[in-house]
Amino acid sequence: MTFESPDKGRQVIELGTHRDCHFDLVAGDLTTIEADVAVAALCAQPHLRHLAPGIDALDRALRGAIARLRAEGIFTGSWSEILYLSSLPSTIKVKGVILLGLGPTGRNSRVKVRRAFMIAASQAIRLGADHAAFAPAQLNTGLPRYNAEASAYAVLQGISDAVGRMRGGLRRCSFVAPEQELEAVAEKFALAFRRVVEH
């Protein structure tokens, strides 16, 4: 089901509710969505020529902070590495950003992606977040191709693990994607969400 969000006129596609947490997809990127925390996932390759569009938009809004943190070795992108950024420019709607490591280029696995997003969601809950935003449609894996549906399933599994273990934490998880890609991304996430709920 697609509808216009009543608060900001933003296109939203509902996935459903699981473990007392509402899941949806939202048109936009991590700089425009209003949430308590945004999770930006990056691989460990230090010299990627191009960041994924959603991550690049966030980096530009942060005045190149992500690129600098990587260049200086402060955030390496190793598996499940977490770095929380709380002093954000007013141009970013979220209150904080969690940088999440996805490990070396070409070594992505569903098990590791699941664990990484479980750790990121757990961190969001510990920070007191009610609403977390993720951009998994634009995972900065460094890979030219990856199985988007399998990745969606692993991402949802990891977040579900965290929500199940830390009840009363996150009440809403939004997955952001560019408006022109929203329907295609939603199709993959809807299938993955049903699999997570059924298992």
N, C-alpha and C. Protein backbone atom coordinates (compact mmCIF):
# COMPACT_ATOMS: atom_id res chain seq x y z
N MET A 1 0.84 -1.19 0.00
CA MET A 1 0.00 0.00 0.00
C MET A 1 0.88 1.24 0.00
N THR A 2 0.59 2.18 -0.88
CA THR A 2 1.33 3.43 -0.98
C THR A 2 0.42 4.58 -0.60
N PHE A 3 0.92 5.54 0.15
CA PHE A 3 0.13 6.71 0.49
C PHE A 3 1.04 7.88 0.73
N GLU A 4 0.46 9.06 0.81
CA GLU A 4 1.22 10.26 1.10
C GLU A 4 1.27 10.45 2.60
N SER A 5 2.48 10.54 3.15
CA SER A 5 2.64 10.74 4.58
C SER A 5 1.96 12.05 5.00
N PRO A 6 1.08 12.04 6.01
CA PRO A 6 0.30 13.23 6.36
C PRO A 6 1.15 14.37 6.90
N ASP A 7 2.31 14.08 7.45
CA ASP A 7 3.10 15.15 8.06
C ASP A 7 3.94 15.92 7.07
N LYS A 8 4.60 15.26 6.15
CA LYS A 8 5.51 15.96 5.24
C LYS A 8 5.20 15.73 3.77
N GLY A 9 4.11 15.07 3.45
CA GLY A 9 3.78 14.80 2.07
C GLY A 9 4.76 13.88 1.38
N ARG A 10 5.45 13.06 2.15
CA ARG A 10 6.47 12.17 1.60
C ARG A 10 5.85 10.82 1.28
N GLN A 11 6.23 10.24 0.14
CA GLN A 11 5.69 8.95 -0.24
C GLN A 11 6.21 7.86 0.69
N VAL A 12 5.29 7.04 1.20
CA VAL A 12 5.63 5.97 2.14
C VAL A 12 4.96 4.68 1.68
N ILE A 13 5.67 3.59 1.75
CA ILE A 13 5.12 2.27 1.46
C ILE A 13 5.22 1.43 2.72
N GLU A 14 4.07 0.99 3.21
CA GLU A 14 4.01 0.22 4.46
C GLU A 14 4.46 -1.23 4.23
N LEU A 15 5.27 -1.74 5.14
CA LEU A 15 5.62 -3.16 5.14
C LEU A 15 4.80 -3.92 6.16
N GLY A 16 4.62 -3.35 7.34
CA GLY A 16 3.84 -3.99 8.38
C GLY A 16 4.47 -3.81 9.75
N THR A 17 3.91 -4.48 10.73
CA THR A 17 4.40 -4.42 12.10
C THR A 17 4.90 -5.79 12.52
N HIS A 18 6.05 -5.80 13.16
CA HIS A 18 6.66 -7.05 13.62
C HIS A 18 7.34 -6.78 14.95
N ARG A 19 7.02 -7.59 15.96
CA ARG A 19 7.61 -7.43 17.29
C ARG A 19 7.41 -6.01 17.82
N ASP A 20 6.20 -5.49 17.63
CA ASP A 20 5.81 -4.17 18.12
C ASP A 20 6.55 -3.02 17.46
N CYS A 21 7.20 -3.27 16.34
CA CYS A 21 7.90 -2.23 15.60
C CYS A 21 7.30 -2.12 14.20
N HIS A 22 7.04 -0.90 13.78
CA HIS A 22 6.45 -0.65 12.46
C HIS A 22 7.57 -0.48 11.42
N PHE A 23 7.43 -1.14 10.28
CA PHE A 23 8.43 -1.09 9.22
C PHE A 23 7.82 -0.48 7.97
N ASP A 24 8.56 0.45 7.34
CA ASP A 24 8.07 1.05 6.10
C ASP A 24 9.24 1.51 5.23
N LEU A 25 8.92 1.85 3.99
CA LEU A 25 9.89 2.45 3.08
C LEU A 25 9.46 3.88 2.80
N VAL A 26 10.45 4.78 2.71
CA VAL A 26 10.17 6.20 2.55
C VAL A 26 11.00 6.75 1.40
N ALA A 27 10.38 7.57 0.56
CA ALA A 27 11.11 8.21 -0.52
C ALA A 27 11.99 9.33 0.04
N GLY A 28 13.25 9.34 -0.38
CA GLY A 28 14.17 10.37 0.09
C GLY A 28 15.55 9.80 0.34
N ASP A 29 16.28 10.43 1.25
CA ASP A 29 17.59 9.91 1.64
C ASP A 29 17.81 10.23 3.12
N LEU A 30 18.97 9.86 3.62
CA LEU A 30 19.24 10.00 5.05
C LEU A 30 19.38 11.44 5.50
N THR A 31 19.47 12.37 4.57
CA THR A 31 19.58 13.79 4.96
C THR A 31 18.22 14.44 5.09
N THR A 32 17.19 13.86 4.48
CA THR A 32 15.88 14.51 4.44
C THR A 32 14.86 13.90 5.39
N ILE A 33 15.04 12.65 5.77
CA ILE A 33 14.05 12.00 6.62
C ILE A 33 14.18 12.47 8.06
N GLU A 34 13.05 12.63 8.74
CA GLU A 34 13.06 13.00 10.15
C GLU A 34 13.00 11.72 10.98
N ALA A 35 14.04 11.47 11.74
CA ALA A 35 14.13 10.29 12.58
C ALA A 35 15.09 10.58 13.73
N ASP A 36 15.07 9.72 14.72
CA ASP A 36 15.99 9.90 15.84
C ASP A 36 17.42 9.58 15.44
N VAL A 37 17.57 8.58 14.60
CA VAL A 37 18.92 8.17 14.18
C VAL A 37 18.87 7.61 12.77
N ALA A 38 19.94 7.84 12.01
CA ALA A 38 20.10 7.26 10.68
C ALA A 38 21.28 6.32 10.70
N VAL A 39 21.17 5.21 10.00
CA VAL A 39 22.25 4.23 9.91
C VAL A 39 22.79 4.23 8.48
N ALA A 40 24.08 4.56 8.35
CA ALA A 40 24.75 4.59 7.05
C ALA A 40 25.78 3.48 7.02
N ALA A 41 25.59 2.51 6.13
CA ALA A 41 26.47 1.34 6.07
C ALA A 41 27.50 1.48 4.96
N LEU A 42 28.77 1.23 5.30
CA LEU A 42 29.87 1.35 4.33
C LEU A 42 30.80 0.16 4.44
N CYS A 43 31.42 -0.20 3.32
CA CYS A 43 32.38 -1.30 3.33
C CYS A 43 33.74 -0.80 3.80
N ALA A 44 34.69 -1.71 3.90
CA ALA A 44 36.00 -1.39 4.47
C ALA A 44 37.00 -0.89 3.43
N GLN A 45 36.62 -0.87 2.16
CA GLN A 45 37.57 -0.40 1.14
C GLN A 45 37.81 1.09 1.35
N PRO A 46 39.02 1.52 1.66
CA PRO A 46 39.27 2.90 2.05
C PRO A 46 39.24 3.91 0.91
N HIS A 47 39.43 3.46 -0.31
CA HIS A 47 39.57 4.42 -1.40
C HIS A 47 38.53 4.19 -2.50
N LEU A 48 37.26 4.00 -2.10
CA LEU A 48 36.20 3.90 -3.09
C LEU A 48 36.12 5.21 -3.87
N ARG A 49 36.05 5.10 -5.18
CA ARG A 49 35.95 6.32 -5.98
C ARG A 49 34.61 7.01 -5.79
N HIS A 50 33.57 6.19 -5.61
CA HIS A 50 32.23 6.76 -5.49
C HIS A 50 31.51 6.13 -4.32
N LEU A 51 30.93 6.97 -3.48
CA LEU A 51 30.04 6.48 -2.44
C LEU A 51 28.68 6.24 -3.08
N ALA A 52 27.91 5.31 -2.52
CA ALA A 52 26.54 5.09 -3.00
C ALA A 52 25.77 6.41 -2.85
N PRO A 53 24.80 6.66 -3.72
CA PRO A 53 24.12 7.96 -3.74
C PRO A 53 23.62 8.43 -2.38
N GLY A 54 22.97 7.53 -1.62
CA GLY A 54 22.44 7.93 -0.32
C GLY A 54 23.53 8.30 0.67
N ILE A 55 24.65 7.57 0.63
CA ILE A 55 25.77 7.85 1.51
C ILE A 55 26.49 9.12 1.07
N ASP A 56 26.59 9.30 -0.25
CA ASP A 56 27.24 10.49 -0.78
C ASP A 56 26.48 11.76 -0.38
N ALA A 57 25.15 11.71 -0.46
CA ALA A 57 24.33 12.86 -0.06
C ALA A 57 24.55 13.19 1.41
N LEU A 58 24.64 12.14 2.23
CA LEU A 58 24.87 12.34 3.66
C LEU A 58 26.26 12.92 3.90
N ASP A 59 27.26 12.40 3.18
CA ASP A 59 28.62 12.91 3.33
C ASP A 59 28.71 14.39 2.95
N ARG A 60 28.05 14.76 1.87
CA ARG A 60 28.05 16.17 1.46
C ARG A 60 27.37 17.04 2.51
N ALA A 61 26.25 16.55 3.07
CA ALA A 61 25.55 17.31 4.11
C ALA A 61 26.40 17.43 5.37
N LEU A 62 27.25 16.43 5.60
CA LEU A 62 28.17 16.45 6.75
C LEU A 62 29.49 17.13 6.41
N ARG A 63 29.52 17.81 5.28
CA ARG A 63 30.70 18.56 4.83
C ARG A 63 31.94 17.66 4.68
N GLY A 64 31.73 16.45 4.16
CA GLY A 64 32.84 15.54 3.89
C GLY A 64 33.35 14.77 5.10
N ALA A 65 32.58 14.78 6.19
CA ALA A 65 33.05 14.14 7.43
C ALA A 65 33.26 12.64 7.26
N ILE A 66 32.37 11.97 6.52
CA ILE A 66 32.51 10.51 6.36
C ILE A 66 33.79 10.19 5.61
N ALA A 67 34.04 10.91 4.52
CA ALA A 67 35.27 10.69 3.75
C ALA A 67 36.50 10.95 4.60
N ARG A 68 36.46 12.00 5.42
CA ARG A 68 37.62 12.32 6.28
C ARG A 68 37.84 11.24 7.34
N LEU A 69 36.77 10.78 7.94
CA LEU A 69 36.89 9.74 8.98
C LEU A 69 37.48 8.47 8.39
N ARG A 70 37.13 8.15 7.16
CA ARG A 70 37.68 6.98 6.50
C ARG A 70 39.15 7.21 6.14
N ALA A 71 39.45 8.37 5.59
CA ALA A 71 40.82 8.68 5.17
C ALA A 71 41.78 8.69 6.36
N GLU A 72 41.27 9.13 7.52
CA GLU A 72 42.12 9.23 8.71
C GLU A 72 42.14 7.94 9.52
N GLY A 73 41.42 6.92 9.06
CA GLY A 73 41.41 5.63 9.75
C GLY A 73 40.61 5.62 11.04
N ILE A 74 39.80 6.64 11.26
CA ILE A 74 38.97 6.69 12.48
C ILE A 74 37.79 5.73 12.33
N PHE A 75 37.25 5.67 11.12
CA PHE A 75 36.22 4.68 10.80
C PHE A 75 36.73 3.87 9.63
N THR A 76 36.99 2.58 9.85
CA THR A 76 37.60 1.75 8.81
C THR A 76 36.58 0.97 7.99
N GLY A 77 35.38 0.80 8.53
CA GLY A 77 34.37 0.02 7.83
C GLY A 77 34.48 -1.47 8.06
N SER A 78 35.26 -1.91 9.04
CA SER A 78 35.37 -3.34 9.33
C SER A 78 34.02 -3.87 9.80
N TRP A 79 33.86 -5.18 9.71
CA TRP A 79 32.56 -5.78 10.01
C TRP A 79 32.01 -5.34 11.37
N SER A 80 30.78 -4.82 11.35
CA SER A 80 30.02 -4.43 12.54
C SER A 80 30.64 -3.27 13.32
N GLU A 81 31.63 -2.60 12.73
CA GLU A 81 32.19 -1.41 13.39
C GLU A 81 31.12 -0.34 13.47
N ILE A 82 31.07 0.34 14.61
CA ILE A 82 30.06 1.38 14.85
C ILE A 82 30.76 2.68 15.23
N LEU A 83 30.29 3.78 14.64
CA LEU A 83 30.75 5.10 15.03
C LEU A 83 29.53 6.02 15.04
N TYR A 84 29.27 6.65 16.16
CA TYR A 84 28.08 7.50 16.30
C TYR A 84 28.46 8.97 16.16
N LEU A 85 27.77 9.66 15.27
CA LEU A 85 27.98 11.10 15.05
C LEU A 85 26.76 11.85 15.58
N SER A 86 26.99 12.75 16.53
CA SER A 86 25.86 13.45 17.15
C SER A 86 25.83 14.94 16.90
N SER A 87 26.95 15.54 16.54
CA SER A 87 26.99 16.98 16.27
C SER A 87 26.79 17.20 14.78
N LEU A 88 25.54 17.35 14.39
CA LEU A 88 25.19 17.40 12.98
C LEU A 88 24.77 18.80 12.54
N PRO A 89 25.01 19.14 11.27
CA PRO A 89 24.53 20.44 10.75
C PRO A 89 23.01 20.49 10.78
N SER A 90 22.46 21.68 10.85
CA SER A 90 21.01 21.85 10.91
C SER A 90 20.32 21.42 9.62
N THR A 91 21.08 21.25 8.55
CA THR A 91 20.50 20.82 7.28
C THR A 91 20.09 19.35 7.29
N ILE A 92 20.55 18.60 8.28
CA ILE A 92 20.21 17.18 8.40
C ILE A 92 19.08 17.04 9.42
N LYS A 93 18.03 16.33 9.03
CA LYS A 93 16.84 16.23 9.88
C LYS A 93 17.00 15.26 11.05
N VAL A 94 17.82 14.20 10.85
CA VAL A 94 17.98 13.21 11.92
C VAL A 94 18.80 13.79 13.06
N LYS A 95 18.62 13.22 14.26
CA LYS A 95 19.32 13.72 15.44
C LYS A 95 20.74 13.16 15.56
N GLY A 96 20.98 12.01 14.97
CA GLY A 96 22.30 11.40 15.04
C GLY A 96 22.49 10.41 13.90
N VAL A 97 23.75 10.09 13.59
CA VAL A 97 24.07 9.16 12.52
C VAL A 97 24.97 8.05 13.06
N ILE A 98 24.60 6.82 12.78
CA ILE A 98 25.43 5.66 13.11
C ILE A 98 26.11 5.21 11.82
N LEU A 99 27.44 5.26 11.79
CA LEU A 99 28.18 4.66 10.68
C LEU A 99 28.37 3.19 11.01
N LEU A 100 28.06 2.33 10.05
CA LEU A 100 28.10 0.88 10.26
C LEU A 100 29.04 0.24 9.26
N GLY A 101 30.00 -0.55 9.74
CA GLY A 101 30.96 -1.21 8.88
C GLY A 101 30.42 -2.49 8.27
N LEU A 102 30.66 -2.66 6.96
CA LEU A 102 30.22 -3.87 6.24
C LEU A 102 31.39 -4.70 5.74
N GLY A 103 32.56 -4.48 6.31
CA GLY A 103 33.68 -5.35 6.02
C GLY A 103 34.33 -5.16 4.66
N PRO A 104 35.31 -6.02 4.34
CA PRO A 104 36.07 -5.90 3.09
C PRO A 104 35.21 -6.08 1.85
N THR A 105 35.57 -5.36 0.81
CA THR A 105 34.87 -5.46 -0.47
C THR A 105 34.90 -6.90 -0.98
N GLY A 106 33.75 -7.35 -1.46
CA GLY A 106 33.68 -8.68 -2.06
C GLY A 106 33.51 -9.80 -1.06
N ARG A 107 33.41 -9.48 0.23
CA ARG A 107 33.28 -10.53 1.23
C ARG A 107 31.95 -10.45 1.96
N ASN A 108 30.97 -9.85 1.32
CA ASN A 108 29.66 -9.75 1.96
C ASN A 108 29.04 -11.13 2.12
N SER A 109 28.41 -11.35 3.24
CA SER A 109 27.66 -12.58 3.48
C SER A 109 26.42 -12.20 4.26
N ARG A 110 25.36 -12.95 4.04
CA ARG A 110 24.10 -12.64 4.73
C ARG A 110 24.24 -12.73 6.24
N VAL A 111 25.01 -13.70 6.71
CA VAL A 111 25.19 -13.87 8.16
C VAL A 111 25.85 -12.63 8.76
N LYS A 112 26.87 -12.13 8.10
CA LYS A 112 27.57 -10.96 8.61
C LYS A 112 26.74 -9.70 8.49
N VAL A 113 26.00 -9.56 7.39
CA VAL A 113 25.11 -8.40 7.23
C VAL A 113 24.04 -8.42 8.32
N ARG A 114 23.49 -9.60 8.58
CA ARG A 114 22.47 -9.73 9.63
C ARG A 114 23.03 -9.28 10.98
N ARG A 115 24.22 -9.76 11.32
CA ARG A 115 24.82 -9.40 12.60
C ARG A 115 25.13 -7.91 12.66
N ALA A 116 25.63 -7.35 11.57
CA ALA A 116 25.98 -5.93 11.55
C ALA A 116 24.75 -5.06 11.81
N PHE A 117 23.63 -5.38 11.15
CA PHE A 117 22.43 -4.57 11.34
C PHE A 117 21.77 -4.83 12.69
N MET A 118 21.97 -6.02 13.25
CA MET A 118 21.50 -6.27 14.62
C MET A 118 22.26 -5.37 15.59
N ILE A 119 23.56 -5.25 15.40
CA ILE A 119 24.38 -4.39 16.27
C ILE A 119 23.99 -2.93 16.10
N ALA A 120 23.77 -2.50 14.85
CA ALA A 120 23.39 -1.10 14.61
C ALA A 120 22.04 -0.78 15.23
N ALA A 121 21.07 -1.68 15.05
CA ALA A 121 19.74 -1.45 15.63
C ALA A 121 19.79 -1.48 17.15
N SER A 122 20.61 -2.37 17.71
CA SER A 122 20.77 -2.42 19.17
C SER A 122 21.36 -1.11 19.69
N GLN A 123 22.31 -0.56 18.95
CA GLN A 123 22.92 0.71 19.34
C GLN A 123 21.87 1.83 19.29
N ALA A 124 21.04 1.82 18.26
CA ALA A 124 19.97 2.82 18.15
C ALA A 124 19.03 2.73 19.35
N ILE A 125 18.71 1.52 19.77
CA ILE A 125 17.83 1.33 20.93
C ILE A 125 18.51 1.84 22.19
N ARG A 126 19.80 1.53 22.36
CA ARG A 126 20.54 2.01 23.54
C ARG A 126 20.61 3.54 23.57
N LEU A 127 20.59 4.16 22.40
CA LEU A 127 20.61 5.63 22.33
C LEU A 127 19.24 6.23 22.61
N GLY A 128 18.24 5.38 22.80
CA GLY A 128 16.90 5.85 23.12
C GLY A 128 16.06 6.19 21.90
N ALA A 129 16.44 5.71 20.74
CA ALA A 129 15.71 6.03 19.51
C ALA A 129 14.38 5.31 19.44
N ASP A 130 13.34 6.03 19.06
CA ASP A 130 12.04 5.44 18.76
C ASP A 130 11.93 5.14 17.26
N HIS A 131 12.59 5.98 16.45
CA HIS A 131 12.49 5.87 15.00
C HIS A 131 13.90 5.87 14.40
N ALA A 132 14.22 4.82 13.68
CA ALA A 132 15.53 4.72 13.01
C ALA A 132 15.33 4.63 11.52
N ALA A 133 16.23 5.28 10.77
CA ALA A 133 16.17 5.26 9.31
C ALA A 133 17.41 4.56 8.77
N PHE A 134 17.21 3.73 7.77
CA PHE A 134 18.29 2.96 7.15
C PHE A 134 18.25 3.18 5.64
N ALA A 135 19.40 3.05 4.98
CA ALA A 135 19.44 3.14 3.52
C ALA A 135 20.02 1.87 2.92
N PRO A 136 19.44 0.70 3.23
CA PRO A 136 20.02 -0.56 2.76
C PRO A 136 19.88 -0.77 1.27
N ALA A 137 18.98 -0.02 0.62
CA ALA A 137 18.88 -0.15 -0.83
C ALA A 137 20.15 0.36 -1.48
N GLN A 138 20.92 1.12 -0.74
CA GLN A 138 22.14 1.72 -1.26
C GLN A 138 23.33 1.31 -0.42
N LEU A 139 23.36 0.06 0.01
CA LEU A 139 24.47 -0.41 0.81
C LEU A 139 25.78 -0.14 0.09
N ASN A 140 26.69 0.54 0.77
CA ASN A 140 27.97 0.88 0.13
C ASN A 140 28.94 -0.29 0.29
N THR A 141 28.65 -1.38 -0.45
CA THR A 141 29.44 -2.60 -0.29
C THR A 141 30.74 -2.55 -1.09
N GLY A 142 30.81 -1.67 -2.07
CA GLY A 142 31.96 -1.65 -2.96
C GLY A 142 31.85 -2.68 -4.07
N LEU A 143 30.76 -3.41 -4.08
CA LEU A 143 30.56 -4.43 -5.11
C LEU A 143 29.76 -3.86 -6.27
N PRO A 144 30.11 -4.21 -7.51
CA PRO A 144 29.33 -3.72 -8.64
C PRO A 144 27.93 -4.31 -8.67
N ARG A 145 27.78 -5.54 -8.14
CA ARG A 145 26.47 -6.17 -8.08
C ARG A 145 26.36 -6.93 -6.77
N TYR A 146 25.15 -7.01 -6.25
CA TYR A 146 24.90 -7.86 -5.09
C TYR A 146 23.44 -8.26 -5.12
N ASN A 147 23.09 -9.30 -4.40
CA ASN A 147 21.72 -9.80 -4.38
C ASN A 147 20.89 -8.92 -3.46
N ALA A 148 20.12 -8.02 -4.05
CA ALA A 148 19.39 -7.03 -3.27
C ALA A 148 18.33 -7.68 -2.37
N GLU A 149 17.66 -8.72 -2.88
CA GLU A 149 16.63 -9.36 -2.07
C GLU A 149 17.24 -10.09 -0.88
N ALA A 150 18.34 -10.79 -1.11
CA ALA A 150 19.02 -11.48 -0.02
C ALA A 150 19.54 -10.47 1.01
N SER A 151 20.05 -9.35 0.53
CA SER A 151 20.53 -8.31 1.45
C SER A 151 19.38 -7.74 2.26
N ALA A 152 18.24 -7.49 1.62
CA ALA A 152 17.07 -6.97 2.33
C ALA A 152 16.64 -7.93 3.44
N TYR A 153 16.65 -9.23 3.13
CA TYR A 153 16.27 -10.23 4.12
C TYR A 153 17.24 -10.22 5.30
N ALA A 154 18.55 -10.15 5.02
CA ALA A 154 19.55 -10.13 6.08
C ALA A 154 19.42 -8.87 6.94
N VAL A 155 19.19 -7.73 6.29
CA VAL A 155 19.01 -6.47 7.02
C VAL A 155 17.81 -6.56 7.95
N LEU A 156 16.69 -7.03 7.42
CA LEU A 156 15.46 -7.13 8.22
C LEU A 156 15.62 -8.15 9.35
N GLN A 157 16.30 -9.25 9.08
CA GLN A 157 16.56 -10.24 10.13
C GLN A 157 17.35 -9.62 11.28
N GLY A 158 18.40 -8.89 10.93
CA GLY A 158 19.23 -8.29 11.96
C GLY A 158 18.48 -7.30 12.81
N ILE A 159 17.69 -6.44 12.19
CA ILE A 159 16.91 -5.46 12.95
C ILE A 159 15.87 -6.17 13.80
N SER A 160 15.23 -7.19 13.22
CA SER A 160 14.24 -7.97 13.98
C SER A 160 14.88 -8.63 15.19
N ASP A 161 16.09 -9.15 15.04
CA ASP A 161 16.81 -9.75 16.18
C ASP A 161 16.96 -8.74 17.31
N ALA A 162 17.38 -7.52 16.96
CA ALA A 162 17.60 -6.48 17.97
C ALA A 162 16.31 -6.08 18.65
N VAL A 163 15.27 -5.89 17.86
CA VAL A 163 13.97 -5.47 18.41
C VAL A 163 13.40 -6.56 19.31
N GLY A 164 13.59 -7.83 18.93
CA GLY A 164 13.11 -8.93 19.74
C GLY A 164 13.84 -9.06 21.06
N ARG A 165 15.13 -8.78 21.07
CA ARG A 165 15.93 -8.92 22.29
C ARG A 165 15.79 -7.72 23.22
N MET A 166 15.49 -6.56 22.64
CA MET A 166 15.44 -5.31 23.43
C MET A 166 14.06 -4.69 23.28
N ARG A 167 13.07 -5.38 23.82
CA ARG A 167 11.67 -4.96 23.69
C ARG A 167 11.46 -3.55 24.25
N GLY A 168 10.53 -2.83 23.62
CA GLY A 168 10.23 -1.49 24.08
C GLY A 168 11.16 -0.44 23.52
N GLY A 169 12.03 -0.83 22.59
CA GLY A 169 12.98 0.12 22.01
C GLY A 169 12.40 0.76 20.77
N LEU A 170 12.92 0.39 19.62
CA LEU A 170 12.46 0.98 18.37
C LEU A 170 10.98 0.70 18.14
N ARG A 171 10.27 1.75 17.77
CA ARG A 171 8.85 1.62 17.44
C ARG A 171 8.61 1.76 15.93
N ARG A 172 9.60 2.33 15.23
CA ARG A 172 9.47 2.47 13.78
C ARG A 172 10.84 2.38 13.12
N CYS A 173 10.92 1.61 12.05
CA CYS A 173 12.13 1.52 11.22
C CYS A 173 11.75 1.87 9.80
N SER A 174 12.41 2.88 9.24
CA SER A 174 12.15 3.31 7.88
C SER A 174 13.35 3.03 7.00
N PHE A 175 13.11 2.52 5.81
CA PHE A 175 14.15 2.26 4.84
C PHE A 175 13.98 3.27 3.72
N VAL A 176 14.99 4.10 3.51
CA VAL A 176 14.87 5.18 2.54
C VAL A 176 15.47 4.79 1.20
N ALA A 177 14.86 5.29 0.15
CA ALA A 177 15.33 5.05 -1.21
C ALA A 177 14.91 6.23 -2.07
N PRO A 178 15.66 6.52 -3.14
CA PRO A 178 15.24 7.59 -4.05
C PRO A 178 13.83 7.33 -4.57
N GLU A 179 13.07 8.39 -4.79
CA GLU A 179 11.68 8.24 -5.21
C GLU A 179 11.53 7.37 -6.44
N GLN A 180 12.45 7.52 -7.40
CA GLN A 180 12.35 6.76 -8.65
C GLN A 180 12.66 5.27 -8.46
N GLU A 181 13.28 4.91 -7.33
CA GLU A 181 13.61 3.51 -7.06
C GLU A 181 12.72 2.88 -6.01
N LEU A 182 11.82 3.68 -5.44
CA LEU A 182 11.07 3.23 -4.25
C LEU A 182 10.24 1.98 -4.52
N GLU A 183 9.50 1.95 -5.63
CA GLU A 183 8.63 0.81 -5.91
C GLU A 183 9.43 -0.48 -6.08
N ALA A 184 10.55 -0.41 -6.80
CA ALA A 184 11.37 -1.60 -7.03
C ALA A 184 11.98 -2.10 -5.73
N VAL A 185 12.46 -1.17 -4.91
CA VAL A 185 13.04 -1.54 -3.62
C VAL A 185 11.96 -2.13 -2.72
N ALA A 186 10.77 -1.53 -2.75
CA ALA A 186 9.67 -1.99 -1.89
C ALA A 186 9.27 -3.42 -2.22
N GLU A 187 9.31 -3.78 -3.50
CA GLU A 187 8.96 -5.14 -3.89
C GLU A 187 9.89 -6.16 -3.24
N LYS A 188 11.18 -5.86 -3.25
CA LYS A 188 12.16 -6.78 -2.63
C LYS A 188 11.99 -6.82 -1.12
N PHE A 189 11.77 -5.64 -0.51
CA PHE A 189 11.63 -5.59 0.94
C PHE A 189 10.33 -6.24 1.41
N ALA A 190 9.27 -6.12 0.63
CA ALA A 190 8.00 -6.74 1.01
C ALA A 190 8.15 -8.26 1.05
N LEU A 191 8.82 -8.83 0.05
CA LEU A 191 9.06 -10.27 0.04
C LEU A 191 9.92 -10.69 1.22
N ALA A 192 10.98 -9.92 1.47
CA ALA A 192 11.89 -10.24 2.58
C ALA A 192 11.17 -10.09 3.92
N PHE A 193 10.35 -9.06 4.05
CA PHE A 193 9.62 -8.84 5.31
C PHE A 193 8.69 -10.01 5.61
N ARG A 194 7.98 -10.49 4.60
CA ARG A 194 7.08 -11.63 4.81
C ARG A 194 7.86 -12.86 5.28
N ARG A 195 9.03 -13.07 4.69
CA ARG A 195 9.86 -14.22 5.10
C ARG A 195 10.29 -14.09 6.56
N VAL A 196 10.68 -12.87 6.97
CA VAL A 196 11.10 -12.65 8.35
C VAL A 196 9.94 -12.90 9.31
N VAL A 197 8.78 -12.39 8.99
CA VAL A 197 7.61 -12.55 9.87
C VAL A 197 7.19 -14.01 9.98
N GLU A 198 7.27 -14.71 8.86
CA GLU A 198 6.83 -16.13 8.84
C GLU A 198 7.79 -17.05 9.56
N HIS A 199 9.04 -16.63 9.71
CA HIS A 199 10.03 -17.48 10.40
C HIS A 199 10.26 -16.95 11.77
